[in-house]
């Protein structure tokens, strides 16, 4: 079994950076959640669109940070942003559920390719 590199810390750091950037760009100076929900949804969809149709293979142990890491980080960040959007507006819940399921599939099977149907479904929701 291969060890998944990057881990939860990398996903959390990427997601935090995306959330901060989304919060800076949503134009909601009052801090209200309505504007940020739309911005979170838009940013989640932008990240979903950056995911490749065929997810990259895990590089050999000790390999460089690459496409696999970028894809899993983007998926994690998109999932968190979609969850934020769903908290603000329930119409975004299907996207949040689909991206969460994609992450759960990877965690359960250690096979990123099994998440591809969920990613394709999420792409259609955006």
Foldseek 3Di string as FASTA:
>chain_A
DDDDPCPPVNLVVLLVVLLVVLVVPQPCPVPDLQSSLVSLQVSLLVLLVVADLAQDDDDPPPDDDDRNNSNVSSLSNSLVSLVSSCVNPVVSVVLNVLSVVLVVCCVVPVDNRVSSVSSVVSNVVD
